[in-house]
Amino acid sequence: MPEQIPAEIFTQELMDLLDETFQQVHGIYLDKGTSLFETLETISAAEASRPVSDTCASLAAQVAHVNFYLEVLEHYILTRESVRVDWGDIWRTTKQVSPEEWTASKEKLHQTYLRVLESLHSIQHWDTDALGGALAIVVHSAYHLGEIRQALCVIKS
């Protein structure tokens, strides 16, 4: 019989990866000061509104997309209901943001993140759907963090 990992060990490892991705670097895979929320605090609304090219989304759209993705995956993990969504809507419609809109967008992402953490902490049995959804949240969010950090190389130059 294959060795099984206790749920609490998996949950702690997942929480550590999410914490590093979103809030605070622990040295798992990011450099100091490069988590998503730390990175977003260095970006002004004007910078968040500026795409790096004519074919790229703004950083405001990246943040809106990460928030939307978290909401969709959270719903799936909790209900196992796969809902049809328009993944392209944010990329088509989120362009420029005012300072107030940028602050609200970052706060919305933070609140969604905290809610998702609470939902993930409540999982007692990690079946394949919950496991896959949780890992997708980490990987997808880390991908967009990389997109944002690469875009900043152009925007802040």
N, C-alpha and C. Protein backbone atom coordinates (compact mmCIF):
# COMPACT_ATOMS: atom_id res chain seq x y z
N MET A 1 0.83 -1.17 0.00
CA MET A 1 0.00 0.00 0.00
C MET A 1 0.89 1.25 0.00
N PRO A 2 0.56 2.23 -0.86
CA PRO A 2 1.39 3.44 -0.90
C PRO A 2 1.28 4.25 0.39
N GLU A 3 2.37 4.91 0.72
CA GLU A 3 2.37 5.75 1.91
C GLU A 3 1.48 6.97 1.67
N GLN A 4 0.68 7.33 2.67
CA GLN A 4 -0.20 8.48 2.56
C GLN A 4 0.32 9.62 3.41
N ILE A 5 0.10 10.82 2.93
CA ILE A 5 0.49 12.01 3.66
C ILE A 5 -0.71 12.44 4.51
N PRO A 6 -0.52 12.68 5.79
CA PRO A 6 -1.64 13.17 6.61
C PRO A 6 -2.16 14.51 6.08
N ALA A 7 -3.45 14.69 6.11
CA ALA A 7 -4.09 15.90 5.58
C ALA A 7 -3.51 17.17 6.20
N GLU A 8 -3.21 17.13 7.49
CA GLU A 8 -2.71 18.35 8.14
C GLU A 8 -1.32 18.72 7.63
N ILE A 9 -0.51 17.75 7.24
CA ILE A 9 0.81 18.06 6.68
C ILE A 9 0.64 18.69 5.30
N PHE A 10 -0.23 18.10 4.46
CA PHE A 10 -0.48 18.70 3.15
C PHE A 10 -1.02 20.12 3.30
N THR A 11 -2.00 20.28 4.19
CA THR A 11 -2.61 21.60 4.38
C THR A 11 -1.57 22.63 4.80
N GLN A 12 -0.66 22.26 5.71
CA GLN A 12 0.37 23.20 6.16
C GLN A 12 1.32 23.56 5.02
N GLU A 13 1.73 22.59 4.23
CA GLU A 13 2.61 22.86 3.09
C GLU A 13 1.91 23.78 2.08
N LEU A 14 0.65 23.51 1.82
CA LEU A 14 -0.14 24.35 0.91
C LEU A 14 -0.23 25.78 1.44
N MET A 15 -0.51 25.92 2.73
CA MET A 15 -0.62 27.26 3.32
C MET A 15 0.71 28.01 3.24
N ASP A 16 1.81 27.29 3.44
CA ASP A 16 3.12 27.93 3.33
C ASP A 16 3.37 28.45 1.91
N LEU A 17 3.00 27.64 0.92
CA LEU A 17 3.17 28.08 -0.48
C LEU A 17 2.27 29.26 -0.81
N LEU A 18 1.04 29.21 -0.34
CA LEU A 18 0.12 30.33 -0.58
C LEU A 18 0.61 31.59 0.12
N ASP A 19 1.08 31.45 1.35
CA ASP A 19 1.59 32.61 2.08
C ASP A 19 2.77 33.23 1.35
N GLU A 20 3.67 32.40 0.87
CA GLU A 20 4.83 32.93 0.14
C GLU A 20 4.39 33.59 -1.16
N THR A 21 3.47 32.99 -1.87
CA THR A 21 3.01 33.54 -3.15
C THR A 21 2.33 34.89 -2.94
N PHE A 22 1.47 34.97 -1.93
CA PHE A 22 0.65 36.16 -1.77
C PHE A 22 1.17 37.18 -0.77
N GLN A 23 1.73 36.74 0.35
CA GLN A 23 1.96 37.69 1.44
C GLN A 23 3.40 37.94 1.83
N GLN A 24 4.13 36.87 2.09
CA GLN A 24 5.44 37.07 2.70
C GLN A 24 6.38 35.94 2.30
N VAL A 25 7.52 36.31 1.82
CA VAL A 25 8.51 35.34 1.37
C VAL A 25 9.14 34.63 2.57
N HIS A 26 9.21 33.31 2.46
CA HIS A 26 9.86 32.48 3.49
C HIS A 26 11.10 31.79 2.93
N GLY A 27 11.40 32.02 1.66
CA GLY A 27 12.55 31.38 1.05
C GLY A 27 12.25 30.05 0.41
N ILE A 28 10.98 29.77 0.17
CA ILE A 28 10.61 28.51 -0.49
C ILE A 28 10.96 28.58 -1.97
N TYR A 29 10.53 29.67 -2.62
CA TYR A 29 10.85 29.81 -4.04
C TYR A 29 10.95 31.25 -4.52
N LEU A 30 10.63 32.22 -3.70
CA LEU A 30 10.71 33.62 -4.11
C LEU A 30 11.87 34.33 -3.41
N ASP A 31 12.28 35.43 -4.02
CA ASP A 31 13.27 36.30 -3.39
C ASP A 31 12.57 37.23 -2.41
N LYS A 32 13.29 37.69 -1.41
CA LYS A 32 12.75 38.58 -0.38
C LYS A 32 12.03 39.78 -1.01
N GLY A 33 10.83 40.07 -0.48
CA GLY A 33 10.09 41.25 -0.91
C GLY A 33 9.35 41.11 -2.23
N THR A 34 9.19 39.89 -2.74
CA THR A 34 8.61 39.72 -4.07
C THR A 34 7.26 38.99 -4.08
N SER A 35 6.63 38.82 -2.91
CA SER A 35 5.31 38.18 -2.92
C SER A 35 4.33 39.09 -3.66
N LEU A 36 3.17 38.57 -3.96
CA LEU A 36 2.20 39.34 -4.75
C LEU A 36 1.79 40.62 -4.05
N PHE A 37 1.38 40.56 -2.80
CA PHE A 37 0.94 41.77 -2.13
C PHE A 37 2.08 42.76 -1.91
N GLU A 38 3.28 42.25 -1.63
CA GLU A 38 4.44 43.15 -1.51
C GLU A 38 4.71 43.84 -2.84
N THR A 39 4.61 43.09 -3.93
CA THR A 39 4.84 43.65 -5.26
C THR A 39 3.79 44.69 -5.60
N LEU A 40 2.52 44.37 -5.34
CA LEU A 40 1.44 45.30 -5.69
C LEU A 40 1.55 46.62 -4.95
N GLU A 41 2.10 46.61 -3.75
CA GLU A 41 2.26 47.85 -2.99
C GLU A 41 3.27 48.80 -3.63
N THR A 42 4.09 48.31 -4.54
CA THR A 42 5.08 49.17 -5.21
C THR A 42 4.54 49.77 -6.50
N ILE A 43 3.29 49.44 -6.86
CA ILE A 43 2.74 49.83 -8.16
C ILE A 43 1.68 50.91 -7.97
N SER A 44 1.84 52.00 -8.68
CA SER A 44 0.85 53.08 -8.64
C SER A 44 -0.31 52.74 -9.58
N ALA A 45 -1.40 53.47 -9.44
CA ALA A 45 -2.55 53.27 -10.33
C ALA A 45 -2.16 53.55 -11.78
N ALA A 46 -1.34 54.56 -12.00
CA ALA A 46 -0.90 54.88 -13.36
C ALA A 46 -0.09 53.73 -13.94
N GLU A 47 0.79 53.14 -13.14
CA GLU A 47 1.58 52.00 -13.61
C GLU A 47 0.68 50.78 -13.84
N ALA A 48 -0.29 50.58 -12.95
CA ALA A 48 -1.21 49.44 -13.09
C ALA A 48 -2.09 49.58 -14.33
N SER A 49 -2.25 50.78 -14.81
CA SER A 49 -3.11 51.05 -15.98
C SER A 49 -2.36 50.92 -17.30
N ARG A 50 -1.06 50.81 -17.24
CA ARG A 50 -0.25 50.83 -18.45
C ARG A 50 0.18 49.43 -18.88
N PRO A 51 -0.35 48.93 -20.00
CA PRO A 51 0.13 47.64 -20.50
C PRO A 51 1.54 47.78 -21.06
N VAL A 52 2.28 46.68 -21.08
CA VAL A 52 3.66 46.75 -21.58
C VAL A 52 3.73 46.80 -23.10
N SER A 53 2.62 46.46 -23.77
CA SER A 53 2.57 46.59 -25.23
C SER A 53 1.11 46.64 -25.66
N ASP A 54 0.90 46.83 -26.95
CA ASP A 54 -0.46 46.90 -27.49
C ASP A 54 -1.21 45.58 -27.36
N THR A 55 -0.49 44.48 -27.24
CA THR A 55 -1.14 43.16 -27.17
C THR A 55 -1.14 42.57 -25.77
N CYS A 56 -0.72 43.34 -24.78
CA CYS A 56 -0.66 42.84 -23.41
C CYS A 56 -1.71 43.54 -22.54
N ALA A 57 -2.13 42.85 -21.51
CA ALA A 57 -3.09 43.41 -20.56
C ALA A 57 -2.38 44.33 -19.58
N SER A 58 -3.14 45.18 -18.94
CA SER A 58 -2.59 46.03 -17.89
C SER A 58 -2.40 45.20 -16.62
N LEU A 59 -1.62 45.74 -15.71
CA LEU A 59 -1.44 45.07 -14.42
C LEU A 59 -2.75 45.06 -13.64
N ALA A 60 -3.58 46.07 -13.85
CA ALA A 60 -4.90 46.09 -13.22
C ALA A 60 -5.72 44.88 -13.68
N ALA A 61 -5.61 44.53 -14.95
CA ALA A 61 -6.31 43.36 -15.47
C ALA A 61 -5.73 42.09 -14.88
N GLN A 62 -4.42 42.03 -14.71
CA GLN A 62 -3.78 40.86 -14.10
C GLN A 62 -4.35 40.63 -12.69
N VAL A 63 -4.44 41.69 -11.91
CA VAL A 63 -4.95 41.59 -10.54
C VAL A 63 -6.42 41.18 -10.54
N ALA A 64 -7.21 41.78 -11.40
CA ALA A 64 -8.63 41.42 -11.49
C ALA A 64 -8.79 39.96 -11.89
N HIS A 65 -7.92 39.49 -12.80
CA HIS A 65 -7.99 38.11 -13.24
C HIS A 65 -7.63 37.14 -12.11
N VAL A 66 -6.58 37.44 -11.36
CA VAL A 66 -6.20 36.56 -10.25
C VAL A 66 -7.35 36.48 -9.24
N ASN A 67 -7.98 37.61 -8.95
CA ASN A 67 -9.11 37.60 -8.03
C ASN A 67 -10.25 36.73 -8.57
N PHE A 68 -10.58 36.91 -9.83
CA PHE A 68 -11.66 36.14 -10.46
C PHE A 68 -11.33 34.65 -10.43
N TYR A 69 -10.10 34.31 -10.76
CA TYR A 69 -9.68 32.90 -10.76
C TYR A 69 -9.83 32.29 -9.37
N LEU A 70 -9.40 33.03 -8.35
CA LEU A 70 -9.55 32.54 -6.98
C LEU A 70 -11.02 32.27 -6.65
N GLU A 71 -11.88 33.19 -7.05
CA GLU A 71 -13.31 33.03 -6.77
C GLU A 71 -13.88 31.81 -7.48
N VAL A 72 -13.52 31.61 -8.73
CA VAL A 72 -14.03 30.48 -9.51
C VAL A 72 -13.53 29.16 -8.91
N LEU A 73 -12.24 29.09 -8.60
CA LEU A 73 -11.69 27.84 -8.04
C LEU A 73 -12.22 27.57 -6.64
N GLU A 74 -12.39 28.60 -5.85
CA GLU A 74 -12.96 28.41 -4.53
C GLU A 74 -14.37 27.82 -4.65
N HIS A 75 -15.17 28.36 -5.53
CA HIS A 75 -16.52 27.85 -5.74
C HIS A 75 -16.47 26.37 -6.15
N TYR A 76 -15.58 26.05 -7.05
CA TYR A 76 -15.46 24.66 -7.51
C TYR A 76 -15.03 23.72 -6.38
N ILE A 77 -14.03 24.12 -5.63
CA ILE A 77 -13.53 23.28 -4.53
C ILE A 77 -14.63 23.02 -3.51
N LEU A 78 -15.41 24.05 -3.20
CA LEU A 78 -16.43 23.91 -2.16
C LEU A 78 -17.69 23.20 -2.63
N THR A 79 -18.04 23.36 -3.92
CA THR A 79 -19.33 22.83 -4.40
C THR A 79 -19.19 21.71 -5.41
N ARG A 80 -18.03 21.59 -6.02
CA ARG A 80 -17.78 20.64 -7.12
C ARG A 80 -18.62 20.99 -8.35
N GLU A 81 -19.17 22.20 -8.37
CA GLU A 81 -19.93 22.67 -9.53
C GLU A 81 -19.00 23.42 -10.46
N SER A 82 -18.96 22.97 -11.69
CA SER A 82 -18.17 23.66 -12.70
C SER A 82 -19.10 24.65 -13.40
N VAL A 83 -18.82 25.92 -13.21
CA VAL A 83 -19.67 26.96 -13.81
C VAL A 83 -19.01 27.50 -15.07
N ARG A 84 -19.83 27.85 -16.02
CA ARG A 84 -19.33 28.43 -17.27
C ARG A 84 -19.04 29.91 -17.03
N VAL A 85 -17.81 30.32 -17.32
CA VAL A 85 -17.42 31.72 -17.11
C VAL A 85 -16.77 32.26 -18.39
N ASP A 86 -16.79 33.56 -18.50
CA ASP A 86 -16.14 34.22 -19.63
C ASP A 86 -14.74 34.66 -19.17
N TRP A 87 -13.75 33.80 -19.41
CA TRP A 87 -12.39 34.09 -18.97
C TRP A 87 -11.81 35.32 -19.67
N GLY A 88 -12.32 35.66 -20.84
CA GLY A 88 -11.76 36.79 -21.58
C GLY A 88 -12.31 38.14 -21.19
N ASP A 89 -13.40 38.17 -20.43
CA ASP A 89 -14.05 39.45 -20.11
C ASP A 89 -13.11 40.42 -19.43
N ILE A 90 -12.40 39.97 -18.42
CA ILE A 90 -11.49 40.88 -17.69
C ILE A 90 -10.41 41.42 -18.62
N TRP A 91 -9.85 40.55 -19.45
CA TRP A 91 -8.78 40.99 -20.36
C TRP A 91 -9.31 42.02 -21.35
N ARG A 92 -10.56 41.90 -21.74
CA ARG A 92 -11.15 42.85 -22.70
C ARG A 92 -11.58 44.16 -22.04
N THR A 93 -11.98 44.11 -20.79
CA THR A 93 -12.63 45.28 -20.19
C THR A 93 -11.82 46.01 -19.14
N THR A 94 -10.87 45.36 -18.49
CA THR A 94 -10.10 46.04 -17.45
C THR A 94 -8.88 46.68 -18.07
N LYS A 95 -8.89 47.99 -18.08
CA LYS A 95 -7.79 48.75 -18.69
C LYS A 95 -7.18 49.67 -17.64
N GLN A 96 -7.63 50.91 -17.65
CA GLN A 96 -7.08 51.91 -16.74
C GLN A 96 -7.88 51.93 -15.43
N VAL A 97 -7.17 52.27 -14.36
CA VAL A 97 -7.81 52.39 -13.05
C VAL A 97 -7.38 53.70 -12.39
N SER A 98 -8.31 54.28 -11.65
CA SER A 98 -7.99 55.47 -10.85
C SER A 98 -7.27 54.99 -9.59
N PRO A 99 -6.65 55.90 -8.86
CA PRO A 99 -6.02 55.49 -7.60
C PRO A 99 -7.01 54.80 -6.65
N GLU A 100 -8.24 55.29 -6.60
CA GLU A 100 -9.25 54.67 -5.73
C GLU A 100 -9.63 53.28 -6.23
N GLU A 101 -9.78 53.13 -7.54
CA GLU A 101 -10.11 51.82 -8.11
C GLU A 101 -8.96 50.83 -7.90
N TRP A 102 -7.73 51.30 -8.02
CA TRP A 102 -6.56 50.44 -7.83
C TRP A 102 -6.50 49.95 -6.37
N THR A 103 -6.71 50.87 -5.44
CA THR A 103 -6.73 50.49 -4.03
C THR A 103 -7.84 49.49 -3.76
N ALA A 104 -9.02 49.73 -4.31
CA ALA A 104 -10.15 48.82 -4.11
C ALA A 104 -9.88 47.45 -4.72
N SER A 105 -9.24 47.42 -5.88
CA SER A 105 -8.93 46.15 -6.54
C SER A 105 -7.95 45.32 -5.71
N LYS A 106 -6.93 45.97 -5.18
CA LYS A 106 -5.96 45.27 -4.33
C LYS A 106 -6.62 44.77 -3.06
N GLU A 107 -7.50 45.58 -2.48
CA GLU A 107 -8.20 45.17 -1.25
C GLU A 107 -9.16 44.01 -1.53
N LYS A 108 -9.83 44.06 -2.67
CA LYS A 108 -10.73 42.97 -3.04
C LYS A 108 -9.95 41.66 -3.18
N LEU A 109 -8.79 41.72 -3.83
CA LEU A 109 -7.94 40.54 -3.97
C LEU A 109 -7.52 40.03 -2.60
N HIS A 110 -7.14 40.93 -1.73
CA HIS A 110 -6.71 40.52 -0.39
C HIS A 110 -7.85 39.85 0.36
N GLN A 111 -9.04 40.40 0.31
CA GLN A 111 -10.19 39.81 0.99
C GLN A 111 -10.56 38.45 0.39
N THR A 112 -10.50 38.33 -0.93
CA THR A 112 -10.77 37.05 -1.58
C THR A 112 -9.74 36.03 -1.14
N TYR A 113 -8.49 36.42 -1.12
CA TYR A 113 -7.41 35.53 -0.69
C TYR A 113 -7.66 35.02 0.73
N LEU A 114 -8.01 35.91 1.65
CA LEU A 114 -8.27 35.50 3.03
C LEU A 114 -9.45 34.53 3.12
N ARG A 115 -10.48 34.79 2.34
CA ARG A 115 -11.64 33.90 2.32
C ARG A 115 -11.27 32.53 1.77
N VAL A 116 -10.46 32.50 0.70
CA VAL A 116 -10.02 31.23 0.12
C VAL A 116 -9.18 30.46 1.13
N LEU A 117 -8.30 31.14 1.84
CA LEU A 117 -7.51 30.47 2.88
C LEU A 117 -8.41 29.81 3.91
N GLU A 118 -9.41 30.53 4.34
CA GLU A 118 -10.35 29.98 5.32
C GLU A 118 -11.06 28.75 4.75
N SER A 119 -11.48 28.83 3.49
CA SER A 119 -12.14 27.70 2.85
C SER A 119 -11.21 26.50 2.77
N LEU A 120 -9.96 26.74 2.38
CA LEU A 120 -9.00 25.64 2.25
C LEU A 120 -8.68 25.02 3.61
N HIS A 121 -8.59 25.86 4.64
CA HIS A 121 -8.34 25.35 5.99
C HIS A 121 -9.45 24.44 6.47
N SER A 122 -10.66 24.65 5.97
CA SER A 122 -11.81 23.88 6.44
C SER A 122 -11.90 22.49 5.80
N ILE A 123 -11.09 22.22 4.79
CA ILE A 123 -11.15 20.92 4.12
C ILE A 123 -10.57 19.84 5.02
N GLN A 124 -11.37 18.85 5.28
CA GLN A 124 -10.94 17.73 6.13
C GLN A 124 -10.39 16.57 5.30
N HIS A 125 -10.97 16.39 4.13
CA HIS A 125 -10.58 15.26 3.25
C HIS A 125 -10.15 15.82 1.90
N TRP A 126 -8.89 15.67 1.57
CA TRP A 126 -8.35 16.18 0.31
C TRP A 126 -8.57 15.15 -0.80
N ASP A 127 -9.74 15.22 -1.45
CA ASP A 127 -9.96 14.36 -2.61
C ASP A 127 -9.29 14.99 -3.83
N THR A 128 -9.35 14.32 -4.96
CA THR A 128 -8.63 14.81 -6.14
C THR A 128 -9.13 16.17 -6.62
N ASP A 129 -10.41 16.44 -6.50
CA ASP A 129 -10.92 17.75 -6.93
C ASP A 129 -10.39 18.87 -6.05
N ALA A 130 -10.44 18.69 -4.75
CA ALA A 130 -9.94 19.71 -3.83
C ALA A 130 -8.43 19.88 -3.98
N LEU A 131 -7.73 18.77 -4.07
CA LEU A 131 -6.28 18.80 -4.23
C LEU A 131 -5.88 19.52 -5.52
N GLY A 132 -6.51 19.13 -6.61
CA GLY A 132 -6.20 19.75 -7.89
C GLY A 132 -6.52 21.23 -7.91
N GLY A 133 -7.66 21.60 -7.34
CA GLY A 133 -8.05 23.01 -7.29
C GLY A 133 -7.09 23.83 -6.45
N ALA A 134 -6.70 23.30 -5.30
CA ALA A 134 -5.78 24.02 -4.42
C ALA A 134 -4.41 24.21 -5.08
N LEU A 135 -3.91 23.16 -5.71
CA LEU A 135 -2.62 23.28 -6.39
C LEU A 135 -2.72 24.24 -7.58
N ALA A 136 -3.85 24.23 -8.27
CA ALA A 136 -4.05 25.15 -9.39
C ALA A 136 -4.01 26.60 -8.90
N ILE A 137 -4.57 26.85 -7.73
CA ILE A 137 -4.55 28.22 -7.18
C ILE A 137 -3.11 28.67 -6.96
N VAL A 138 -2.29 27.81 -6.38
CA VAL A 138 -0.88 28.17 -6.13
C VAL A 138 -0.16 28.42 -7.45
N VAL A 139 -0.25 27.47 -8.36
CA VAL A 139 0.50 27.56 -9.61
C VAL A 139 0.03 28.73 -10.46
N HIS A 140 -1.26 28.89 -10.60
CA HIS A 140 -1.80 29.96 -11.45
C HIS A 140 -1.47 31.33 -10.87
N SER A 141 -1.59 31.46 -9.56
CA SER A 141 -1.27 32.75 -8.92
C SER A 141 0.22 33.06 -9.04
N ALA A 142 1.06 32.05 -8.87
CA ALA A 142 2.51 32.27 -9.03
C ALA A 142 2.85 32.67 -10.47
N TYR A 143 2.17 32.06 -11.42
CA TYR A 143 2.37 32.43 -12.83
C TYR A 143 2.07 33.91 -13.04
N HIS A 144 0.93 34.37 -12.53
CA HIS A 144 0.56 35.77 -12.73
C HIS A 144 1.45 36.71 -11.93
N LEU A 145 1.94 36.27 -10.79
CA LEU A 145 2.93 37.06 -10.07
C LEU A 145 4.16 37.27 -10.96
N GLY A 146 4.60 36.21 -11.62
CA GLY A 146 5.73 36.32 -12.55
C GLY A 146 5.43 37.26 -13.70
N GLU A 147 4.22 37.17 -14.25
CA GLU A 147 3.81 38.07 -15.34
C GLU A 147 3.89 39.53 -14.87
N ILE A 148 3.36 39.78 -13.68
CA ILE A 148 3.35 41.14 -13.14
C ILE A 148 4.78 41.63 -12.91
N ARG A 149 5.61 40.80 -12.33
CA ARG A 149 6.99 41.22 -12.05
C ARG A 149 7.77 41.46 -13.35
N GLN A 150 7.54 40.65 -14.37
CA GLN A 150 8.21 40.88 -15.66
C GLN A 150 7.72 42.16 -16.30
N ALA A 151 6.41 42.41 -16.24
CA ALA A 151 5.86 43.65 -16.81
C ALA A 151 6.45 44.87 -16.12
N LEU A 152 6.69 44.76 -14.82
CA LEU A 152 7.26 45.89 -14.08
C LEU A 152 8.66 46.26 -14.58
N CYS A 153 9.37 45.28 -15.08
CA CYS A 153 10.70 45.57 -15.65
C CYS A 153 10.58 46.58 -16.79
N VAL A 154 9.53 46.49 -17.56
CA VAL A 154 9.30 47.42 -18.67
C VAL A 154 8.64 48.70 -18.17
N ILE A 155 7.61 48.57 -17.36
CA ILE A 155 6.83 49.73 -16.91
C ILE A 155 7.68 50.69 -16.08
N LYS A 156 8.52 50.17 -15.22
CA LYS A 156 9.31 51.02 -14.34
C LYS A 156 10.66 51.43 -14.94
N SER A 157 10.94 51.01 -16.17
CA SER A 157 12.24 51.39 -16.75
C SER A 157 12.20 52.78 -17.35
